[in-house]
């Protein structure tokens, strides 16, 4: 992924996340410096990941998954993996997965999926209120 700094809003003195949906990459940044780039899975064409600027509104370790009357407690079978970071776009978040082979593909219902080890690291590096930019076009910030 290459993220052009001119295309990234100024978040002076703040950690923030820039996600390239077509590149399937998440960049954790501080000011104009890329701290880490992670591989991700994004939404399918029928359930796309939204574009825009959002914030992390909650962080839940070992989340419970609720969907269409089904409840999956924390553990190996949980589709959210080991961490959930909810976004200000209701129903969307950055989370782990119980399907690690999906990383790098368009496989989710619109959320950003990460390997559990990666989402656990990111979870420790951000806070509630961290800004998240989801970009629908290819970007240029960090050559990967």
N, C-alpha and C. Protein backbone atom coordinates (compact mmCIF):
# COMPACT_ATOMS: atom_id res chain seq x y z
N UNK A 1 0.85 -1.17 0.00
CA UNK A 1 0.00 0.00 0.00
C UNK A 1 0.89 1.22 0.00
N UNK A 2 0.49 2.21 -0.75
CA UNK A 2 1.18 3.49 -0.76
C UNK A 2 0.14 4.53 -0.43
N UNK A 3 0.33 5.29 0.63
CA UNK A 3 -0.63 6.31 1.05
C UNK A 3 -0.02 7.68 0.83
N UNK A 4 -0.66 8.48 -0.01
CA UNK A 4 -0.15 9.82 -0.28
C UNK A 4 -0.53 10.72 0.88
N UNK A 5 0.46 11.37 1.47
CA UNK A 5 0.19 12.21 2.62
C UNK A 5 -0.75 13.35 2.27
N UNK A 6 -0.72 13.84 1.04
CA UNK A 6 -1.63 14.90 0.64
C UNK A 6 -3.08 14.43 0.68
N UNK A 7 -3.30 13.13 0.54
CA UNK A 7 -4.65 12.59 0.53
C UNK A 7 -5.16 12.26 1.93
N UNK A 8 -4.29 12.35 2.92
CA UNK A 8 -4.66 12.00 4.29
C UNK A 8 -4.91 13.29 5.06
N UNK A 9 -6.07 13.41 5.73
CA UNK A 9 -6.31 14.62 6.50
C UNK A 9 -5.26 14.79 7.59
N UNK A 10 -5.01 16.01 7.97
CA UNK A 10 -4.02 16.29 9.00
C UNK A 10 -4.56 15.92 10.37
N UNK A 11 -3.86 15.06 11.05
CA UNK A 11 -4.20 14.66 12.41
C UNK A 11 -2.98 14.96 13.27
N UNK A 12 -2.56 16.22 13.28
CA UNK A 12 -1.33 16.62 13.96
C UNK A 12 -1.31 16.12 15.40
N UNK A 13 -0.22 15.42 15.72
CA UNK A 13 -0.03 14.95 17.09
C UNK A 13 -0.92 13.81 17.50
N UNK A 14 -1.62 13.20 16.55
CA UNK A 14 -2.55 12.13 16.90
C UNK A 14 -2.20 10.85 16.17
N UNK A 15 -2.43 9.75 16.85
CA UNK A 15 -2.43 8.47 16.15
C UNK A 15 -3.75 8.37 15.40
N UNK A 16 -3.70 7.81 14.21
CA UNK A 16 -4.90 7.60 13.43
C UNK A 16 -4.69 6.41 12.51
N UNK A 17 -5.77 5.93 11.97
CA UNK A 17 -5.75 4.75 11.11
C UNK A 17 -6.21 5.15 9.73
N UNK A 18 -5.48 4.70 8.71
CA UNK A 18 -5.87 4.89 7.32
C UNK A 18 -6.01 3.49 6.72
N UNK A 19 -7.18 3.21 6.18
CA UNK A 19 -7.45 1.90 5.59
C UNK A 19 -7.68 2.07 4.10
N UNK A 20 -6.93 1.33 3.30
CA UNK A 20 -7.16 1.27 1.86
C UNK A 20 -7.98 0.02 1.59
N UNK A 21 -9.25 0.23 1.27
CA UNK A 21 -10.14 -0.91 1.02
C UNK A 21 -9.66 -1.73 -0.17
N UNK A 22 -9.32 -1.11 -1.34
CA UNK A 22 -8.89 -1.94 -2.46
C UNK A 22 -7.54 -2.63 -2.24
N UNK A 23 -6.65 -2.02 -1.45
CA UNK A 23 -5.35 -2.63 -1.17
C UNK A 23 -5.44 -3.66 -0.05
N UNK A 24 -6.55 -3.61 0.71
CA UNK A 24 -6.75 -4.49 1.86
C UNK A 24 -5.60 -4.37 2.85
N UNK A 25 -5.31 -3.10 3.19
CA UNK A 25 -4.24 -2.77 4.14
C UNK A 25 -4.76 -1.73 5.13
N UNK A 26 -4.27 -1.83 6.36
CA UNK A 26 -4.56 -0.87 7.42
C UNK A 26 -3.23 -0.29 7.87
N UNK A 27 -3.11 1.04 7.84
CA UNK A 27 -1.89 1.70 8.31
C UNK A 27 -2.19 2.45 9.59
N UNK A 28 -1.45 2.15 10.64
CA UNK A 28 -1.51 2.93 11.87
C UNK A 28 -0.47 4.02 11.74
N UNK A 29 -0.91 5.27 11.91
CA UNK A 29 -0.02 6.40 11.69
C UNK A 29 0.01 7.30 12.91
N UNK A 30 1.11 8.01 13.04
CA UNK A 30 1.23 9.07 14.04
C UNK A 30 1.79 10.27 13.29
N UNK A 31 1.02 11.35 13.26
CA UNK A 31 1.34 12.48 12.40
C UNK A 31 1.46 11.93 10.97
N UNK A 32 2.59 12.18 10.32
CA UNK A 32 2.80 11.70 8.95
C UNK A 32 3.66 10.45 8.90
N UNK A 33 3.86 9.80 10.04
CA UNK A 33 4.73 8.63 10.12
C UNK A 33 3.90 7.36 10.22
N UNK A 34 4.22 6.40 9.37
CA UNK A 34 3.57 5.10 9.43
C UNK A 34 4.24 4.28 10.53
N UNK A 35 3.45 3.87 11.52
CA UNK A 35 3.98 3.06 12.61
C UNK A 35 3.94 1.58 12.27
N UNK A 36 2.89 1.17 11.58
CA UNK A 36 2.71 -0.26 11.28
C UNK A 36 1.68 -0.41 10.18
N UNK A 37 1.85 -1.38 9.31
CA UNK A 37 0.88 -1.71 8.26
C UNK A 37 0.45 -3.15 8.49
N UNK A 38 -0.87 -3.38 8.45
CA UNK A 38 -1.43 -4.71 8.67
C UNK A 38 -2.24 -5.14 7.45
N UNK A 39 -2.23 -6.44 7.15
CA UNK A 39 -3.12 -7.01 6.15
C UNK A 39 -4.50 -7.15 6.78
N UNK A 40 -5.54 -6.95 5.97
CA UNK A 40 -6.92 -7.01 6.46
C UNK A 40 -7.81 -7.71 5.44
N UNK A 41 -9.01 -8.05 5.86
CA UNK A 41 -10.09 -8.45 4.96
C UNK A 41 -11.13 -7.34 5.02
N UNK A 42 -11.83 -7.15 3.92
CA UNK A 42 -12.85 -6.11 3.81
C UNK A 42 -14.18 -6.74 3.38
N UNK A 43 -15.19 -5.89 3.23
CA UNK A 43 -16.50 -6.37 2.84
C UNK A 43 -16.56 -6.91 1.42
N UNK A 44 -17.52 -7.79 1.21
CA UNK A 44 -17.76 -8.34 -0.13
C UNK A 44 -18.47 -7.29 -0.98
N UNK A 45 -18.55 -7.50 -2.30
CA UNK A 45 -19.30 -6.55 -3.14
C UNK A 45 -20.76 -6.39 -2.70
N UNK A 46 -21.38 -7.44 -2.18
CA UNK A 46 -22.78 -7.34 -1.75
C UNK A 46 -22.93 -6.75 -0.35
N UNK A 47 -21.85 -6.75 0.44
CA UNK A 47 -21.85 -6.13 1.78
C UNK A 47 -20.56 -5.34 1.93
N UNK A 48 -20.44 -4.22 1.19
CA UNK A 48 -19.17 -3.49 1.14
C UNK A 48 -18.82 -2.76 2.43
N UNK A 49 -17.54 -2.54 2.58
CA UNK A 49 -17.01 -1.71 3.66
C UNK A 49 -17.29 -0.25 3.29
N UNK A 50 -17.85 0.54 4.21
CA UNK A 50 -18.14 1.94 3.87
C UNK A 50 -16.86 2.78 3.77
N UNK A 51 -16.91 3.81 2.94
CA UNK A 51 -15.82 4.78 2.86
C UNK A 51 -16.19 5.98 3.72
N UNK A 52 -15.17 6.69 4.20
CA UNK A 52 -15.42 7.91 4.96
C UNK A 52 -14.53 8.01 6.17
N UNK A 53 -14.80 9.03 6.97
CA UNK A 53 -14.03 9.26 8.20
C UNK A 53 -14.89 8.93 9.40
N UNK A 54 -14.34 8.12 10.28
CA UNK A 54 -15.05 7.62 11.45
C UNK A 54 -14.13 7.72 12.67
N UNK A 55 -14.61 7.24 13.80
CA UNK A 55 -13.82 7.15 15.02
C UNK A 55 -14.07 5.81 15.67
N UNK A 56 -13.09 5.36 16.45
CA UNK A 56 -13.32 4.19 17.29
C UNK A 56 -14.18 4.66 18.46
N UNK A 57 -15.33 4.02 18.65
CA UNK A 57 -16.24 4.44 19.72
C UNK A 57 -16.24 3.49 20.91
N UNK A 58 -15.75 2.26 20.72
CA UNK A 58 -15.61 1.34 21.85
C UNK A 58 -14.56 0.29 21.53
N UNK A 59 -13.99 -0.28 22.57
CA UNK A 59 -13.01 -1.34 22.44
C UNK A 59 -13.41 -2.45 23.41
N UNK A 60 -13.60 -3.65 22.86
CA UNK A 60 -14.05 -4.76 23.69
C UNK A 60 -13.12 -5.95 23.51
N UNK A 61 -12.42 -6.33 24.59
CA UNK A 61 -11.61 -7.56 24.51
C UNK A 61 -12.53 -8.77 24.63
N UNK A 62 -12.22 -9.83 23.92
CA UNK A 62 -12.98 -11.07 23.98
C UNK A 62 -14.49 -10.82 23.83
N UNK A 63 -14.90 -10.26 22.69
CA UNK A 63 -16.30 -9.89 22.50
C UNK A 63 -17.22 -11.10 22.30
N UNK A 64 -18.49 -10.88 22.55
CA UNK A 64 -19.54 -11.83 22.21
C UNK A 64 -20.14 -11.37 20.89
N UNK A 65 -20.44 -12.31 19.99
CA UNK A 65 -21.01 -11.99 18.67
C UNK A 65 -22.50 -12.25 18.69
N UNK A 66 -23.27 -11.25 18.29
CA UNK A 66 -24.72 -11.35 18.19
C UNK A 66 -25.12 -11.09 16.75
N UNK A 67 -25.88 -12.01 16.14
CA UNK A 67 -26.33 -11.80 14.77
C UNK A 67 -27.56 -12.65 14.49
N UNK A 68 -28.61 -12.00 14.06
CA UNK A 68 -29.85 -12.68 13.64
C UNK A 68 -30.30 -13.75 14.64
N UNK A 69 -30.37 -13.36 15.91
CA UNK A 69 -30.82 -14.28 16.95
C UNK A 69 -29.80 -15.30 17.40
N UNK A 70 -28.60 -15.25 16.84
CA UNK A 70 -27.54 -16.18 17.23
C UNK A 70 -26.55 -15.46 18.13
N UNK A 71 -26.08 -16.16 19.15
CA UNK A 71 -25.10 -15.61 20.09
C UNK A 71 -23.92 -16.57 20.15
N UNK A 72 -22.72 -16.01 19.91
CA UNK A 72 -21.49 -16.82 20.01
C UNK A 72 -20.62 -16.17 21.08
N UNK A 73 -20.36 -16.89 22.17
CA UNK A 73 -19.54 -16.32 23.25
C UNK A 73 -18.08 -16.21 22.81
N UNK A 74 -17.26 -15.51 23.59
CA UNK A 74 -15.83 -15.42 23.29
C UNK A 74 -15.22 -16.82 23.15
N UNK A 75 -14.26 -16.95 22.25
CA UNK A 75 -13.58 -18.23 22.07
C UNK A 75 -13.26 -18.47 20.61
N UNK A 76 -12.77 -19.67 20.31
CA UNK A 76 -12.29 -20.01 18.97
C UNK A 76 -13.36 -19.96 17.90
N UNK A 77 -14.62 -20.14 18.24
CA UNK A 77 -15.69 -20.13 17.24
C UNK A 77 -16.24 -18.74 16.96
N UNK A 78 -15.80 -17.74 17.71
CA UNK A 78 -16.35 -16.40 17.59
C UNK A 78 -15.85 -15.71 16.32
N UNK A 79 -16.77 -15.28 15.43
CA UNK A 79 -16.36 -14.61 14.19
C UNK A 79 -15.64 -13.27 14.41
N UNK A 80 -15.76 -12.67 15.60
CA UNK A 80 -15.09 -11.41 15.88
C UNK A 80 -13.67 -11.60 16.40
N UNK A 81 -13.28 -12.84 16.58
CA UNK A 81 -11.95 -13.10 17.09
C UNK A 81 -11.79 -12.61 18.52
N UNK A 82 -10.59 -12.15 18.84
CA UNK A 82 -10.27 -11.82 20.22
C UNK A 82 -10.46 -10.36 20.60
N UNK A 83 -10.71 -9.48 19.62
CA UNK A 83 -10.87 -8.05 19.91
C UNK A 83 -11.89 -7.42 18.97
N UNK A 84 -12.61 -6.41 19.48
CA UNK A 84 -13.56 -5.62 18.71
C UNK A 84 -13.28 -4.15 18.99
N UNK A 85 -13.18 -3.36 17.90
CA UNK A 85 -13.10 -1.91 18.00
C UNK A 85 -14.23 -1.36 17.14
N UNK A 86 -15.31 -0.94 17.81
CA UNK A 86 -16.48 -0.45 17.10
C UNK A 86 -16.23 0.93 16.52
N UNK A 87 -16.77 1.15 15.32
CA UNK A 87 -16.62 2.44 14.66
C UNK A 87 -17.89 3.28 14.82
N UNK A 88 -17.76 4.57 14.56
CA UNK A 88 -18.91 5.47 14.65
C UNK A 88 -19.91 5.23 13.53
N UNK A 89 -19.59 4.38 12.57
CA UNK A 89 -20.55 3.90 11.57
C UNK A 89 -21.22 2.69 12.22
N UNK A 90 -22.46 2.85 12.64
CA UNK A 90 -23.15 1.82 13.42
C UNK A 90 -23.08 0.45 12.75
N UNK A 91 -22.69 -0.56 13.55
CA UNK A 91 -22.63 -1.93 13.08
C UNK A 91 -21.30 -2.32 12.44
N UNK A 92 -20.40 -1.37 12.27
CA UNK A 92 -19.11 -1.65 11.65
C UNK A 92 -17.99 -1.55 12.67
N UNK A 93 -16.95 -2.34 12.46
CA UNK A 93 -15.83 -2.29 13.36
C UNK A 93 -14.59 -2.92 12.76
N UNK A 94 -13.52 -2.85 13.53
CA UNK A 94 -12.26 -3.50 13.23
C UNK A 94 -12.16 -4.63 14.24
N UNK A 95 -11.97 -5.86 13.78
CA UNK A 95 -11.98 -6.98 14.71
C UNK A 95 -11.11 -8.12 14.23
N UNK A 96 -10.92 -9.08 15.10
CA UNK A 96 -10.20 -10.30 14.75
C UNK A 96 -11.10 -11.22 13.95
N UNK A 97 -10.71 -12.48 13.83
CA UNK A 97 -11.51 -13.42 13.05
C UNK A 97 -11.23 -14.86 13.47
N UNK A 98 -12.21 -15.70 13.22
CA UNK A 98 -12.01 -17.14 13.39
C UNK A 98 -11.75 -17.79 12.03
N UNK A 99 -11.57 -16.96 10.99
CA UNK A 99 -11.29 -17.44 9.63
C UNK A 99 -10.05 -16.72 9.10
N UNK A 100 -8.86 -17.03 9.62
CA UNK A 100 -7.66 -16.30 9.24
C UNK A 100 -7.34 -16.37 7.75
N UNK A 101 -7.79 -17.39 7.05
CA UNK A 101 -7.53 -17.49 5.61
C UNK A 101 -8.25 -16.40 4.82
N UNK A 102 -9.22 -15.73 5.44
CA UNK A 102 -9.96 -14.67 4.75
C UNK A 102 -9.17 -13.36 4.67
N UNK A 103 -8.12 -13.22 5.47
CA UNK A 103 -7.34 -11.98 5.45
C UNK A 103 -6.71 -11.81 4.07
N UNK A 104 -6.84 -10.60 3.54
CA UNK A 104 -6.35 -10.31 2.20
C UNK A 104 -7.42 -10.43 1.13
N UNK A 105 -8.65 -10.78 1.55
CA UNK A 105 -9.73 -10.96 0.60
C UNK A 105 -10.90 -10.02 0.92
N UNK A 106 -11.90 -10.05 0.07
CA UNK A 106 -13.18 -9.37 0.33
C UNK A 106 -14.12 -10.44 0.85
N UNK A 107 -14.26 -10.53 2.17
CA UNK A 107 -14.96 -11.67 2.76
C UNK A 107 -15.94 -11.31 3.87
N UNK A 108 -15.89 -10.07 4.37
CA UNK A 108 -16.70 -9.74 5.56
C UNK A 108 -18.05 -9.15 5.17
N UNK A 109 -18.83 -8.85 6.18
CA UNK A 109 -20.11 -8.16 5.97
C UNK A 109 -19.91 -6.65 6.04
N UNK A 110 -18.72 -6.18 5.76
CA UNK A 110 -18.42 -4.75 5.74
C UNK A 110 -17.41 -4.32 6.78
N UNK A 111 -17.19 -5.15 7.79
CA UNK A 111 -16.20 -4.83 8.82
C UNK A 111 -14.80 -5.05 8.30
N UNK A 112 -13.83 -4.58 9.08
CA UNK A 112 -12.42 -4.79 8.81
C UNK A 112 -11.96 -5.95 9.67
N UNK A 113 -11.56 -7.05 9.04
CA UNK A 113 -11.06 -8.22 9.76
C UNK A 113 -9.54 -8.20 9.78
N UNK A 114 -8.98 -8.65 10.90
CA UNK A 114 -7.53 -8.76 11.04
C UNK A 114 -7.19 -10.10 11.68
N UNK A 115 -5.94 -10.54 11.47
CA UNK A 115 -5.47 -11.70 12.22
C UNK A 115 -5.57 -11.34 13.70
N UNK A 116 -5.91 -12.30 14.54
CA UNK A 116 -6.06 -12.02 15.97
C UNK A 116 -4.80 -11.43 16.59
N UNK A 117 -3.63 -11.95 16.24
CA UNK A 117 -2.39 -11.40 16.81
C UNK A 117 -2.22 -9.94 16.41
N UNK A 118 -2.63 -9.58 15.19
CA UNK A 118 -2.51 -8.20 14.73
C UNK A 118 -3.52 -7.28 15.40
N UNK A 119 -4.76 -7.73 15.52
CA UNK A 119 -5.78 -6.88 16.15
C UNK A 119 -5.48 -6.69 17.64
N UNK A 120 -4.88 -7.68 18.25
CA UNK A 120 -4.49 -7.54 19.66
C UNK A 120 -3.41 -6.47 19.81
N UNK A 121 -2.47 -6.43 18.87
CA UNK A 121 -1.43 -5.41 18.90
C UNK A 121 -2.04 -4.03 18.64
N UNK A 122 -2.86 -3.90 17.60
CA UNK A 122 -3.48 -2.62 17.28
C UNK A 122 -4.35 -2.12 18.44
N UNK A 123 -5.08 -3.02 19.06
CA UNK A 123 -5.96 -2.70 20.19
C UNK A 123 -5.19 -1.96 21.29
N UNK A 124 -3.93 -2.37 21.52
CA UNK A 124 -3.10 -1.75 22.55
C UNK A 124 -2.51 -0.42 22.10
N UNK A 125 -2.51 -0.16 20.80
CA UNK A 125 -1.86 1.03 20.26
C UNK A 125 -2.81 2.19 19.98
N UNK A 126 -4.12 1.95 20.11
CA UNK A 126 -5.12 3.00 19.86
C UNK A 126 -6.04 3.13 21.07
N UNK A 127 -6.87 4.16 21.05
CA UNK A 127 -7.83 4.39 22.13
C UNK A 127 -9.17 4.74 21.53
N UNK A 128 -10.19 4.73 22.37
CA UNK A 128 -11.49 5.24 21.96
C UNK A 128 -11.28 6.69 21.53
N UNK A 129 -11.87 7.06 20.41
CA UNK A 129 -11.70 8.40 19.86
C UNK A 129 -10.69 8.45 18.72
N UNK A 130 -9.89 7.38 18.55
CA UNK A 130 -8.94 7.35 17.44
C UNK A 130 -9.70 7.50 16.12
N UNK A 131 -9.21 8.38 15.26
CA UNK A 131 -9.84 8.60 13.97
C UNK A 131 -9.44 7.49 13.00
N UNK A 132 -10.43 7.10 12.17
CA UNK A 132 -10.23 6.03 11.20
C UNK A 132 -10.73 6.53 9.85
N UNK A 133 -9.85 6.52 8.87
CA UNK A 133 -10.23 6.92 7.52
C UNK A 133 -10.28 5.67 6.66
N UNK A 134 -11.47 5.39 6.12
CA UNK A 134 -11.67 4.26 5.22
C UNK A 134 -11.73 4.81 3.80
N UNK A 135 -10.74 4.44 2.99
CA UNK A 135 -10.63 4.98 1.64
C UNK A 135 -11.00 3.92 0.62
N UNK A 136 -11.90 4.29 -0.28
CA UNK A 136 -12.37 3.37 -1.30
C UNK A 136 -11.50 3.30 -2.53
N UNK A 137 -10.54 4.21 -2.63
CA UNK A 137 -9.63 4.19 -3.78
C UNK A 137 -8.22 3.87 -3.29
N UNK A 138 -7.40 3.43 -4.22
CA UNK A 138 -6.02 3.13 -3.84
C UNK A 138 -5.36 4.41 -3.31
N UNK A 139 -4.52 4.24 -2.29
CA UNK A 139 -3.89 5.38 -1.63
C UNK A 139 -2.38 5.20 -1.64
N UNK A 140 -1.68 6.25 -1.26
CA UNK A 140 -0.22 6.21 -1.24
C UNK A 140 0.32 6.84 0.04
N UNK A 141 0.64 6.04 1.06
CA UNK A 141 1.28 6.59 2.27
C UNK A 141 2.50 5.79 2.64
N UNK A 142 2.41 4.52 2.52
CA UNK A 142 3.54 3.69 2.91
C UNK A 142 3.73 2.65 1.84
N UNK A 143 4.83 2.66 1.18
CA UNK A 143 5.08 1.64 0.16
C UNK A 143 5.21 0.30 0.85
N UNK A 144 4.39 -0.64 0.48
CA UNK A 144 4.41 -2.00 1.03
C UNK A 144 4.39 -2.98 -0.10
